[in-house]
mmCIF file of all heavy atoms, coordinates in Angstrom:
data_MODEL
# 
_entry.id   MODEL 
# 
loop_
_atom_site.group_PDB 
_atom_site.id 
_atom_site.type_symbol 
_atom_site.label_atom_id 
_atom_site.label_alt_id 
_atom_site.label_comp_id 
_atom_site.label_asym_id 
_atom_site.label_entity_id 
_atom_site.label_seq_id 
_atom_site.pdbx_PDB_ins_code 
_atom_site.Cartn_x 
_atom_site.Cartn_y 
_atom_site.Cartn_z 
_atom_site.occupancy 
_atom_site.B_iso_or_equiv 
_atom_site.pdbx_formal_charge 
_atom_site.auth_seq_id 
_atom_site.auth_comp_id 
_atom_site.auth_asym_id 
_atom_site.auth_atom_id 
_atom_site.pdbx_PDB_model_num 
ATOM 1   N N   . VAL A 1 1  ? -16.957 -188.828 -37.346 1.00 0.00 ? 1  VAL A N   1 
ATOM 2   C CA  . VAL A 1 1  ? -18.251 -189.401 -37.730 1.00 0.00 ? 1  VAL A CA  1 
ATOM 3   C C   . VAL A 1 1  ? -19.364 -188.865 -36.846 1.00 0.00 ? 1  VAL A C   1 
ATOM 4   O O   . VAL A 1 1  ? -20.409 -188.396 -37.346 1.00 0.00 ? 1  VAL A O   1 
ATOM 5   C CB  . VAL A 1 1  ? -18.225 -190.958 -37.640 1.00 0.00 ? 1  VAL A CB  1 
ATOM 6   C CG1 . VAL A 1 1  ? -19.590 -191.539 -37.872 1.00 0.00 ? 1  VAL A CG1 1 
ATOM 7   C CG2 . VAL A 1 1  ? -17.225 -191.493 -38.671 1.00 0.00 ? 1  VAL A CG2 1 
ATOM 8   N N   . ILE A 1 2  ? -19.137 -188.898 -35.546 1.00 0.00 ? 2  ILE A N   1 
ATOM 9   C CA  . ILE A 1 2  ? -20.163 -188.414 -34.597 1.00 0.00 ? 2  ILE A CA  1 
ATOM 10  C C   . ILE A 1 2  ? -20.394 -186.948 -34.800 1.00 0.00 ? 2  ILE A C   1 
ATOM 11  O O   . ILE A 1 2  ? -21.553 -186.461 -34.848 1.00 0.00 ? 2  ILE A O   1 
ATOM 12  C CB  . ILE A 1 2  ? -19.712 -188.698 -33.156 1.00 0.00 ? 2  ILE A CB  1 
ATOM 13  C CG1 . ILE A 1 2  ? -19.398 -190.164 -32.948 1.00 0.00 ? 2  ILE A CG1 1 
ATOM 14  C CG2 . ILE A 1 2  ? -20.769 -188.216 -32.157 1.00 0.00 ? 2  ILE A CG2 1 
ATOM 15  C CD1 . ILE A 1 2  ? -20.461 -191.138 -33.329 1.00 0.00 ? 2  ILE A CD1 1 
ATOM 16  N N   . GLY A 1 3  ? -19.328 -186.180 -34.864 1.00 0.00 ? 3  GLY A N   1 
ATOM 17  C CA  . GLY A 1 3  ? -19.429 -184.720 -35.007 1.00 0.00 ? 3  GLY A CA  1 
ATOM 18  C C   . GLY A 1 3  ? -20.147 -184.272 -36.289 1.00 0.00 ? 3  GLY A C   1 
ATOM 19  O O   . GLY A 1 3  ? -20.924 -183.358 -36.283 1.00 0.00 ? 3  GLY A O   1 
ATOM 20  N N   . LYS A 1 4  ? -19.865 -184.968 -37.399 1.00 0.00 ? 4  LYS A N   1 
ATOM 21  C CA  . LYS A 1 4  ? -20.483 -184.582 -38.665 1.00 0.00 ? 4  LYS A CA  1 
ATOM 22  C C   . LYS A 1 4  ? -21.975 -184.904 -38.704 1.00 0.00 ? 4  LYS A C   1 
ATOM 23  O O   . LYS A 1 4  ? -22.727 -184.174 -39.305 1.00 0.00 ? 4  LYS A O   1 
ATOM 24  C CB  . LYS A 1 4  ? -19.739 -185.235 -39.835 1.00 0.00 ? 4  LYS A CB  1 
ATOM 25  C CG  . LYS A 1 4  ? -18.398 -184.632 -40.128 1.00 0.00 ? 4  LYS A CG  1 
ATOM 26  C CD  . LYS A 1 4  ? -17.681 -185.267 -41.307 1.00 0.00 ? 4  LYS A CD  1 
ATOM 27  C CE  . LYS A 1 4  ? -16.319 -184.565 -41.541 1.00 0.00 ? 4  LYS A CE  1 
ATOM 28  N NZ  . LYS A 1 4  ? -15.558 -185.206 -42.643 1.00 0.00 ? 4  LYS A NZ  1 
ATOM 29  N N   . ILE A 1 5  ? -22.361 -185.978 -38.056 1.00 0.00 ? 5  ILE A N   1 
ATOM 30  C CA  . ILE A 1 5  ? -23.791 -186.277 -37.960 1.00 0.00 ? 5  ILE A CA  1 
ATOM 31  C C   . ILE A 1 5  ? -24.503 -185.156 -37.212 1.00 0.00 ? 5  ILE A C   1 
ATOM 32  O O   . ILE A 1 5  ? -25.529 -184.619 -37.680 1.00 0.00 ? 5  ILE A O   1 
ATOM 33  C CB  . ILE A 1 5  ? -24.023 -187.610 -37.240 1.00 0.00 ? 5  ILE A CB  1 
ATOM 34  C CG1 . ILE A 1 5  ? -23.566 -188.790 -38.134 1.00 0.00 ? 5  ILE A CG1 1 
ATOM 35  C CG2 . ILE A 1 5  ? -25.534 -187.777 -36.889 1.00 0.00 ? 5  ILE A CG2 1 
ATOM 36  C CD1 . ILE A 1 5  ? -23.562 -190.124 -37.426 1.00 0.00 ? 5  ILE A CD1 1 
ATOM 37  N N   . ILE A 1 6  ? -23.978 -184.767 -36.071 1.00 0.00 ? 6  ILE A N   1 
ATOM 38  C CA  . ILE A 1 6  ? -24.603 -183.740 -35.255 1.00 0.00 ? 6  ILE A CA  1 
ATOM 39  C C   . ILE A 1 6  ? -24.600 -182.403 -35.941 1.00 0.00 ? 6  ILE A C   1 
ATOM 40  O O   . ILE A 1 6  ? -25.621 -181.678 -35.987 1.00 0.00 ? 6  ILE A O   1 
ATOM 41  C CB  . ILE A 1 6  ? -23.895 -183.624 -33.894 1.00 0.00 ? 6  ILE A CB  1 
ATOM 42  C CG1 . ILE A 1 6  ? -24.047 -184.944 -33.108 1.00 0.00 ? 6  ILE A CG1 1 
ATOM 43  C CG2 . ILE A 1 6  ? -24.466 -182.463 -33.047 1.00 0.00 ? 6  ILE A CG2 1 
ATOM 44  C CD1 . ILE A 1 6  ? -23.127 -185.036 -31.890 1.00 0.00 ? 6  ILE A CD1 1 
ATOM 45  N N   . SER A 1 7  ? -23.460 -182.010 -36.490 1.00 0.00 ? 7  SER A N   1 
ATOM 46  C CA  . SER A 1 7  ? -23.297 -180.686 -37.072 1.00 0.00 ? 7  SER A CA  1 
ATOM 47  C C   . SER A 1 7  ? -23.867 -180.552 -38.470 1.00 0.00 ? 7  SER A C   1 
ATOM 48  O O   . SER A 1 7  ? -23.769 -179.513 -39.083 1.00 0.00 ? 7  SER A O   1 
ATOM 49  C CB  . SER A 1 7  ? -21.833 -180.258 -37.043 1.00 0.00 ? 7  SER A CB  1 
ATOM 50  O OG  . SER A 1 7  ? -21.054 -181.138 -37.815 1.00 0.00 ? 7  SER A OG  1 
ATOM 51  N N   . SER A 1 8  ? -24.486 -181.644 -39.002 1.00 0.00 ? 8  SER A N   1 
ATOM 52  C CA  . SER A 1 8  ? -25.150 -181.533 -40.278 1.00 0.00 ? 8  SER A CA  1 
ATOM 53  C C   . SER A 1 8  ? -26.380 -180.655 -40.205 1.00 0.00 ? 8  SER A C   1 
ATOM 54  O O   . SER A 1 8  ? -26.890 -180.174 -41.214 1.00 0.00 ? 8  SER A O   1 
ATOM 55  C CB  . SER A 1 8  ? -25.507 -182.920 -40.824 1.00 0.00 ? 8  SER A CB  1 
ATOM 56  O OG  . SER A 1 8  ? -26.455 -183.565 -39.966 1.00 0.00 ? 8  SER A OG  1 
ATOM 57  N N   . ASN A 1 9  ? -26.904 -180.427 -38.985 1.00 0.00 ? 9  ASN A N   1 
ATOM 58  C CA  . ASN A 1 9  ? -27.957 -179.460 -38.761 1.00 0.00 ? 9  ASN A CA  1 
ATOM 59  C C   . ASN A 1 9  ? -27.391 -178.055 -38.981 1.00 0.00 ? 9  ASN A C   1 
ATOM 60  O O   . ASN A 1 9  ? -26.211 -177.808 -38.729 1.00 0.00 ? 9  ASN A O   1 
ATOM 61  C CB  . ASN A 1 9  ? -28.503 -179.526 -37.324 1.00 0.00 ? 9  ASN A CB  1 
ATOM 62  C CG  . ASN A 1 9  ? -29.413 -180.721 -37.113 1.00 0.00 ? 9  ASN A CG  1 
ATOM 63  O OD1 . ASN A 1 9  ? -29.622 -181.531 -38.023 1.00 0.00 ? 9  ASN A OD1 1 
ATOM 64  N ND2 . ASN A 1 9  ? -29.949 -180.832 -35.934 1.00 0.00 ? 9  ASN A ND2 1 
ATOM 65  N N   . GLU A 1 10 ? -28.226 -177.142 -39.382 1.00 0.00 ? 10 GLU A N   1 
ATOM 66  C CA  . GLU A 1 10 ? -27.819 -175.750 -39.484 1.00 0.00 ? 10 GLU A CA  1 
ATOM 67  C C   . GLU A 1 10 ? -27.617 -175.166 -38.081 1.00 0.00 ? 10 GLU A C   1 
ATOM 68  O O   . GLU A 1 10 ? -28.335 -175.508 -37.152 1.00 0.00 ? 10 GLU A O   1 
ATOM 69  C CB  . GLU A 1 10 ? -28.850 -174.923 -40.235 1.00 0.00 ? 10 GLU A CB  1 
ATOM 70  C CG  . GLU A 1 10 ? -28.908 -175.190 -41.728 1.00 0.00 ? 10 GLU A CG  1 
ATOM 71  C CD  . GLU A 1 10 ? -29.860 -174.249 -42.421 1.00 0.00 ? 10 GLU A CD  1 
ATOM 72  O OE1 . GLU A 1 10 ? -30.419 -173.354 -41.757 1.00 0.00 ? 10 GLU A OE1 1 
ATOM 73  O OE2 . GLU A 1 10 ? -30.016 -174.368 -43.638 1.00 0.00 ? 10 GLU A OE2 1 
ATOM 74  N N   . ASN A 1 11 ? -26.661 -174.245 -37.975 1.00 0.00 ? 11 ASN A N   1 
ATOM 75  C CA  . ASN A 1 11 ? -26.495 -173.443 -36.768 1.00 0.00 ? 11 ASN A CA  1 
ATOM 76  C C   . ASN A 1 11 ? -26.197 -174.276 -35.515 1.00 0.00 ? 11 ASN A C   1 
ATOM 77  O O   . ASN A 1 11 ? -26.661 -173.958 -34.433 1.00 0.00 ? 11 ASN A O   1 
ATOM 78  C CB  . ASN A 1 11 ? -27.680 -172.535 -36.539 1.00 0.00 ? 11 ASN A CB  1 
ATOM 79  C CG  . ASN A 1 11 ? -27.845 -171.563 -37.684 1.00 0.00 ? 11 ASN A CG  1 
ATOM 80  O OD1 . ASN A 1 11 ? -26.883 -171.176 -38.326 1.00 0.00 ? 11 ASN A OD1 1 
ATOM 81  N ND2 . ASN A 1 11 ? -29.093 -171.182 -37.949 1.00 0.00 ? 11 ASN A ND2 1 
ATOM 82  N N   . ILE A 1 12 ? -25.439 -175.370 -35.672 1.00 0.00 ? 12 ILE A N   1 
ATOM 83  C CA  . ILE A 1 12 ? -24.959 -176.116 -34.538 1.00 0.00 ? 12 ILE A CA  1 
ATOM 84  C C   . ILE A 1 12 ? -23.570 -175.651 -34.196 1.00 0.00 ? 12 ILE A C   1 
ATOM 85  O O   . ILE A 1 12 ? -22.669 -175.646 -35.036 1.00 0.00 ? 12 ILE A O   1 
ATOM 86  C CB  . ILE A 1 12 ? -24.912 -177.657 -34.819 1.00 0.00 ? 12 ILE A CB  1 
ATOM 87  C CG1 . ILE A 1 12 ? -26.325 -178.184 -35.093 1.00 0.00 ? 12 ILE A CG1 1 
ATOM 88  C CG2 . ILE A 1 12 ? -24.257 -178.403 -33.655 1.00 0.00 ? 12 ILE A CG2 1 
ATOM 89  C CD1 . ILE A 1 12 ? -27.288 -178.078 -33.901 1.00 0.00 ? 12 ILE A CD1 1 
ATOM 90  N N   . LYS A 1 13 ? -23.382 -175.171 -32.977 1.00 0.00 ? 13 LYS A N   1 
ATOM 91  C CA  . LYS A 1 13 ? -22.076 -174.694 -32.485 1.00 0.00 ? 13 LYS A CA  1 
ATOM 92  C C   . LYS A 1 13 ? -21.476 -175.832 -31.641 1.00 0.00 ? 13 LYS A C   1 
ATOM 93  O O   . LYS A 1 13 ? -21.986 -176.130 -30.567 1.00 0.00 ? 13 LYS A O   1 
ATOM 94  C CB  . LYS A 1 13 ? -22.225 -173.410 -31.665 1.00 0.00 ? 13 LYS A CB  1 
ATOM 95  C CG  . LYS A 1 13 ? -22.979 -172.316 -32.393 1.00 0.00 ? 13 LYS A CG  1 
ATOM 96  C CD  . LYS A 1 13 ? -22.242 -171.820 -33.643 1.00 0.00 ? 13 LYS A CD  1 
ATOM 97  C CE  . LYS A 1 13 ? -22.949 -170.643 -34.302 1.00 0.00 ? 13 LYS A CE  1 
ATOM 98  N NZ  . LYS A 1 13 ? -22.311 -170.224 -35.557 1.00 0.00 ? 13 LYS A NZ  1 
ATOM 99  N N   . LEU A 1 14 ? -20.388 -176.439 -32.134 1.00 0.00 ? 14 LEU A N   1 
ATOM 100 C CA  . LEU A 1 14 ? -19.859 -177.630 -31.541 1.00 0.00 ? 14 LEU A CA  1 
ATOM 101 C C   . LEU A 1 14 ? -18.631 -177.345 -30.685 1.00 0.00 ? 14 LEU A C   1 
ATOM 102 O O   . LEU A 1 14 ? -17.653 -176.817 -31.149 1.00 0.00 ? 14 LEU A O   1 
ATOM 103 C CB  . LEU A 1 14 ? -19.491 -178.602 -32.653 1.00 0.00 ? 14 LEU A CB  1 
ATOM 104 C CG  . LEU A 1 14 ? -19.449 -180.094 -32.307 1.00 0.00 ? 14 LEU A CG  1 
ATOM 105 C CD1 . LEU A 1 14 ? -20.833 -180.623 -31.926 1.00 0.00 ? 14 LEU A CD1 1 
ATOM 106 C CD2 . LEU A 1 14 ? -18.916 -180.889 -33.512 1.00 0.00 ? 14 LEU A CD2 1 
ATOM 107 N N   . TYR A 1 15 ? -18.732 -177.682 -29.375 1.00 0.00 ? 15 TYR A N   1 
ATOM 108 C CA  . TYR A 1 15 ? -17.565 -177.750 -28.510 1.00 0.00 ? 15 TYR A CA  1 
ATOM 109 C C   . TYR A 1 15 ? -16.914 -179.118 -28.719 1.00 0.00 ? 15 TYR A C   1 
ATOM 110 O O   . TYR A 1 15 ? -17.498 -180.138 -28.352 1.00 0.00 ? 15 TYR A O   1 
ATOM 111 C CB  . TYR A 1 15 ? -17.952 -177.613 -27.038 1.00 0.00 ? 15 TYR A CB  1 
ATOM 112 C CG  . TYR A 1 15 ? -18.440 -176.278 -26.581 1.00 0.00 ? 15 TYR A CG  1 
ATOM 113 C CD1 . TYR A 1 15 ? -19.818 -176.012 -26.591 1.00 0.00 ? 15 TYR A CD1 1 
ATOM 114 C CD2 . TYR A 1 15 ? -17.577 -175.310 -26.096 1.00 0.00 ? 15 TYR A CD2 1 
ATOM 115 C CE1 . TYR A 1 15 ? -20.292 -174.788 -26.124 1.00 0.00 ? 15 TYR A CE1 1 
ATOM 116 C CE2 . TYR A 1 15 ? -18.040 -174.066 -25.643 1.00 0.00 ? 15 TYR A CE2 1 
ATOM 117 C CZ  . TYR A 1 15 ? -19.437 -173.837 -25.651 1.00 0.00 ? 15 TYR A CZ  1 
ATOM 118 O OH  . TYR A 1 15 ? -19.887 -172.643 -25.216 1.00 0.00 ? 15 TYR A OH  1 
ATOM 119 N N   . ASP A 1 16 ? -15.753 -179.147 -29.332 1.00 0.00 ? 16 ASP A N   1 
ATOM 120 C CA  . ASP A 1 16 ? -15.041 -180.410 -29.616 1.00 0.00 ? 16 ASP A CA  1 
ATOM 121 C C   . ASP A 1 16 ? -14.065 -180.685 -28.478 1.00 0.00 ? 16 ASP A C   1 
ATOM 122 O O   . ASP A 1 16 ? -12.995 -180.072 -28.425 1.00 0.00 ? 16 ASP A O   1 
ATOM 123 C CB  . ASP A 1 16 ? -14.356 -180.248 -30.977 1.00 0.00 ? 16 ASP A CB  1 
ATOM 124 C CG  . ASP A 1 16 ? -13.482 -181.423 -31.337 1.00 0.00 ? 16 ASP A CG  1 
ATOM 125 O OD1 . ASP A 1 16 ? -13.716 -182.520 -30.749 1.00 0.00 ? 16 ASP A OD1 1 
ATOM 126 O OD2 . ASP A 1 16 ? -12.602 -181.294 -32.220 1.00 0.00 ? 16 ASP A OD2 1 
ATOM 127 N N   . ILE A 1 17 ? -14.464 -181.584 -27.620 1.00 0.00 ? 17 ILE A N   1 
ATOM 128 C CA  . ILE A 1 17 ? -13.638 -181.840 -26.415 1.00 0.00 ? 17 ILE A CA  1 
ATOM 129 C C   . ILE A 1 17 ? -13.055 -183.255 -26.536 1.00 0.00 ? 17 ILE A C   1 
ATOM 130 O O   . ILE A 1 17 ? -13.742 -184.277 -26.458 1.00 0.00 ? 17 ILE A O   1 
ATOM 131 C CB  . ILE A 1 17 ? -14.495 -181.755 -25.127 1.00 0.00 ? 17 ILE A CB  1 
ATOM 132 C CG1 . ILE A 1 17 ? -15.155 -180.375 -25.057 1.00 0.00 ? 17 ILE A CG1 1 
ATOM 133 C CG2 . ILE A 1 17 ? -13.622 -182.009 -23.893 1.00 0.00 ? 17 ILE A CG2 1 
ATOM 134 C CD1 . ILE A 1 17 ? -16.031 -180.171 -23.853 1.00 0.00 ? 17 ILE A CD1 1 
ATOM 135 N N   . GLN A 1 18 ? -11.752 -183.317 -26.679 1.00 0.00 ? 18 GLN A N   1 
ATOM 136 C CA  . GLN A 1 18 ? -11.036 -184.571 -26.864 1.00 0.00 ? 18 GLN A CA  1 
ATOM 137 C C   . GLN A 1 18 ? -10.679 -185.179 -25.521 1.00 0.00 ? 18 GLN A C   1 
ATOM 138 O O   . GLN A 1 18 ? -9.974  -184.577 -24.717 1.00 0.00 ? 18 GLN A O   1 
ATOM 139 C CB  . GLN A 1 18 ? -9.747  -184.357 -27.674 1.00 0.00 ? 18 GLN A CB  1 
ATOM 140 C CG  . GLN A 1 18 ? -9.007  -185.612 -28.047 1.00 0.00 ? 18 GLN A CG  1 
ATOM 141 C CD  . GLN A 1 18 ? -7.745  -185.267 -28.781 1.00 0.00 ? 18 GLN A CD  1 
ATOM 142 O OE1 . GLN A 1 18 ? -6.856  -184.587 -28.272 1.00 0.00 ? 18 GLN A OE1 1 
ATOM 143 N NE2 . GLN A 1 18 ? -7.595  -185.798 -30.019 1.00 0.00 ? 18 GLN A NE2 1 
ATOM 144 N N   . VAL A 1 19 ? -11.210 -186.374 -25.275 1.00 0.00 ? 19 VAL A N   1 
ATOM 145 C CA  . VAL A 1 19 ? -10.926 -187.059 -23.983 1.00 0.00 ? 19 VAL A CA  1 
ATOM 146 C C   . VAL A 1 19 ? -10.197 -188.375 -24.181 1.00 0.00 ? 19 VAL A C   1 
ATOM 147 O O   . VAL A 1 19 ? -9.863  -189.043 -23.216 1.00 0.00 ? 19 VAL A O   1 
ATOM 148 C CB  . VAL A 1 19 ? -12.191 -187.291 -23.149 1.00 0.00 ? 19 VAL A CB  1 
ATOM 149 C CG1 . VAL A 1 19 ? -12.813 -185.953 -22.719 1.00 0.00 ? 19 VAL A CG1 1 
ATOM 150 C CG2 . VAL A 1 19 ? -13.209 -188.137 -23.931 1.00 0.00 ? 19 VAL A CG2 1 
ATOM 151 N N   . PHE A 1 20 ? -9.999  -188.743 -25.444 1.00 0.00 ? 20 PHE A N   1 
ATOM 152 C CA  . PHE A 1 20 ? -9.247  -189.975 -25.755 1.00 0.00 ? 20 PHE A CA  1 
ATOM 153 C C   . PHE A 1 20 ? -7.845  -189.617 -26.183 1.00 0.00 ? 20 PHE A C   1 
ATOM 154 O O   . PHE A 1 20 ? -7.611  -188.661 -26.897 1.00 0.00 ? 20 PHE A O   1 
ATOM 155 C CB  . PHE A 1 20 ? -9.945  -190.766 -26.880 1.00 0.00 ? 20 PHE A CB  1 
ATOM 156 C CG  . PHE A 1 20 ? -11.246 -191.397 -26.494 1.00 0.00 ? 20 PHE A CG  1 
ATOM 157 C CD1 . PHE A 1 20 ? -12.420 -190.714 -26.683 1.00 0.00 ? 20 PHE A CD1 1 
ATOM 158 C CD2 . PHE A 1 20 ? -11.254 -192.649 -25.931 1.00 0.00 ? 20 PHE A CD2 1 
ATOM 159 C CE1 . PHE A 1 20 ? -13.631 -191.266 -26.342 1.00 0.00 ? 20 PHE A CE1 1 
ATOM 160 C CE2 . PHE A 1 20 ? -12.494 -193.226 -25.575 1.00 0.00 ? 20 PHE A CE2 1 
ATOM 161 C CZ  . PHE A 1 20 ? -13.681 -192.519 -25.765 1.00 0.00 ? 20 PHE A CZ  1 
ATOM 162 N N   . ASP A 1 21 ? -6.851  -190.416 -25.750 1.00 0.00 ? 21 ASP A N   1 
ATOM 163 C CA  . ASP A 1 21 ? -5.490  -190.161 -26.159 1.00 0.00 ? 21 ASP A CA  1 
ATOM 164 C C   . ASP A 1 21 ? -5.210  -190.758 -27.543 1.00 0.00 ? 21 ASP A C   1 
ATOM 165 O O   . ASP A 1 21 ? -6.155  -191.286 -28.217 1.00 0.00 ? 21 ASP A O   1 
ATOM 166 C CB  . ASP A 1 21 ? -4.471  -190.665 -25.112 1.00 0.00 ? 21 ASP A CB  1 
ATOM 167 C CG  . ASP A 1 21 ? -4.468  -192.174 -24.952 1.00 0.00 ? 21 ASP A CG  1 
ATOM 168 O OD1 . ASP A 1 21 ? -5.024  -192.899 -25.843 1.00 0.00 ? 21 ASP A OD1 1 
ATOM 169 O OD2 . ASP A 1 21 ? -3.974  -192.645 -23.925 1.00 0.00 ? 21 ASP A OD2 1 
ATOM 170 N N   . GLU A 1 22 ? -3.958  -190.747 -27.979 1.00 0.00 ? 22 GLU A N   1 
ATOM 171 C CA  . GLU A 1 22 ? -3.639  -191.227 -29.319 1.00 0.00 ? 22 GLU A CA  1 
ATOM 172 C C   . GLU A 1 22 ? -3.805  -192.718 -29.459 1.00 0.00 ? 22 GLU A C   1 
ATOM 173 O O   . GLU A 1 22 ? -3.809  -193.239 -30.598 1.00 0.00 ? 22 GLU A O   1 
ATOM 174 C CB  . GLU A 1 22 ? -2.213  -190.822 -29.667 1.00 0.00 ? 22 GLU A CB  1 
ATOM 175 C CG  . GLU A 1 22 ? -2.025  -189.326 -29.774 1.00 0.00 ? 22 GLU A CG  1 
ATOM 176 C CD  . GLU A 1 22 ? -0.567  -188.926 -30.039 1.00 0.00 ? 22 GLU A CD  1 
ATOM 177 O OE1 . GLU A 1 22 ? 0.306   -189.774 -29.834 1.00 0.00 ? 22 GLU A OE1 1 
ATOM 178 O OE2 . GLU A 1 22 ? -0.333  -187.757 -30.416 1.00 0.00 ? 22 GLU A OE2 1 
ATOM 179 N N   . ASN A 1 23 ? -3.979  -193.443 -28.377 1.00 0.00 ? 23 ASN A N   1 
ATOM 180 C CA  . ASN A 1 23 ? -4.264  -194.872 -28.425 1.00 0.00 ? 23 ASN A CA  1 
ATOM 181 C C   . ASN A 1 23 ? -5.736  -195.211 -28.139 1.00 0.00 ? 23 ASN A C   1 
ATOM 182 O O   . ASN A 1 23 ? -6.053  -196.356 -27.845 1.00 0.00 ? 23 ASN A O   1 
ATOM 183 C CB  . ASN A 1 23 ? -3.327  -195.618 -27.435 1.00 0.00 ? 23 ASN A CB  1 
ATOM 184 C CG  . ASN A 1 23 ? -1.865  -195.448 -27.774 1.00 0.00 ? 23 ASN A CG  1 
ATOM 185 O OD1 . ASN A 1 23 ? -1.461  -195.716 -28.888 1.00 0.00 ? 23 ASN A OD1 1 
ATOM 186 N ND2 . ASN A 1 23 ? -1.085  -194.969 -26.818 1.00 0.00 ? 23 ASN A ND2 1 
ATOM 187 N N   . LEU A 1 24 ? -6.567  -194.179 -28.242 1.00 0.00 ? 24 LEU A N   1 
ATOM 188 C CA  . LEU A 1 24 ? -7.994  -194.300 -28.017 1.00 0.00 ? 24 LEU A CA  1 
ATOM 189 C C   . LEU A 1 24 ? -8.327  -194.809 -26.608 1.00 0.00 ? 24 LEU A C   1 
ATOM 190 O O   . LEU A 1 24 ? -9.230  -195.591 -26.392 1.00 0.00 ? 24 LEU A O   1 
ATOM 191 C CB  . LEU A 1 24 ? -8.647  -195.227 -29.075 1.00 0.00 ? 24 LEU A CB  1 
ATOM 192 C CG  . LEU A 1 24 ? -10.092 -194.945 -29.399 1.00 0.00 ? 24 LEU A CG  1 
ATOM 193 C CD1 . LEU A 1 24 ? -10.266 -193.501 -29.928 1.00 0.00 ? 24 LEU A CD1 1 
ATOM 194 C CD2 . LEU A 1 24 ? -10.669 -195.920 -30.415 1.00 0.00 ? 24 LEU A CD2 1 
ATOM 195 N N   . ARG A 1 25 ? -7.570  -194.334 -25.638 1.00 0.00 ? 25 ARG A N   1 
ATOM 196 C CA  . ARG A 1 25 ? -7.770  -194.670 -24.238 1.00 0.00 ? 25 ARG A CA  1 
ATOM 197 C C   . ARG A 1 25 ? -8.317  -193.393 -23.506 1.00 0.00 ? 25 ARG A C   1 
ATOM 198 O O   . ARG A 1 25 ? -7.883  -192.285 -23.813 1.00 0.00 ? 25 ARG A O   1 
ATOM 199 C CB  . ARG A 1 25 ? -6.487  -195.154 -23.563 1.00 0.00 ? 25 ARG A CB  1 
ATOM 200 C CG  . ARG A 1 25 ? -5.965  -196.440 -24.131 1.00 0.00 ? 25 ARG A CG  1 
ATOM 201 C CD  . ARG A 1 25 ? -4.619  -196.801 -23.500 1.00 0.00 ? 25 ARG A CD  1 
ATOM 202 N NE  . ARG A 1 25 ? -3.657  -195.731 -23.705 1.00 0.00 ? 25 ARG A NE  1 
ATOM 203 C CZ  . ARG A 1 25 ? -2.376  -195.862 -23.458 1.00 0.00 ? 25 ARG A CZ  1 
ATOM 204 N NH1 . ARG A 1 25 ? -1.890  -197.015 -22.982 1.00 0.00 ? 25 ARG A NH1 1 
ATOM 205 N NH2 . ARG A 1 25 ? -1.518  -194.870 -23.673 1.00 0.00 ? 25 ARG A NH2 1 
ATOM 206 N N   . THR A 1 26 ? -9.178  -193.623 -22.543 1.00 0.00 ? 26 THR A N   1 
ATOM 207 C CA  . THR A 1 26 ? -9.638  -192.550 -21.704 1.00 0.00 ? 26 THR A CA  1 
ATOM 208 C C   . THR A 1 26 ? -9.803  -193.123 -20.290 1.00 0.00 ? 26 THR A C   1 
ATOM 209 O O   . THR A 1 26 ? -9.670  -194.286 -20.058 1.00 0.00 ? 26 THR A O   1 
ATOM 210 C CB  . THR A 1 26 ? -10.942 -191.955 -22.226 1.00 0.00 ? 26 THR A CB  1 
ATOM 211 O OG1 . THR A 1 26 ? -11.232 -190.737 -21.524 1.00 0.00 ? 26 THR A OG1 1 
ATOM 212 C CG2 . THR A 1 26 ? -12.129 -192.919 -22.076 1.00 0.00 ? 26 THR A CG2 1 
ATOM 213 N N   . ALA A 1 27 ? -10.098 -192.212 -19.356 1.00 0.00 ? 27 ALA A N   1 
ATOM 214 C CA  . ALA A 1 27 ? -10.271 -192.597 -17.949 1.00 0.00 ? 27 ALA A CA  1 
ATOM 215 C C   . ALA A 1 27 ? -11.326 -191.691 -17.351 1.00 0.00 ? 27 ALA A C   1 
ATOM 216 O O   . ALA A 1 27 ? -11.652 -190.630 -17.897 1.00 0.00 ? 27 ALA A O   1 
ATOM 217 C CB  . ALA A 1 27 ? -8.942  -192.427 -17.216 1.00 0.00 ? 27 ALA A CB  1 
# 
């Protein structure tokens, strides 16, 4: 959801950095 909002602009180069695990936890 967040990524598609941002990248709906033309010429957005997205670094997709996953910091949440499979249980949606991060530290």
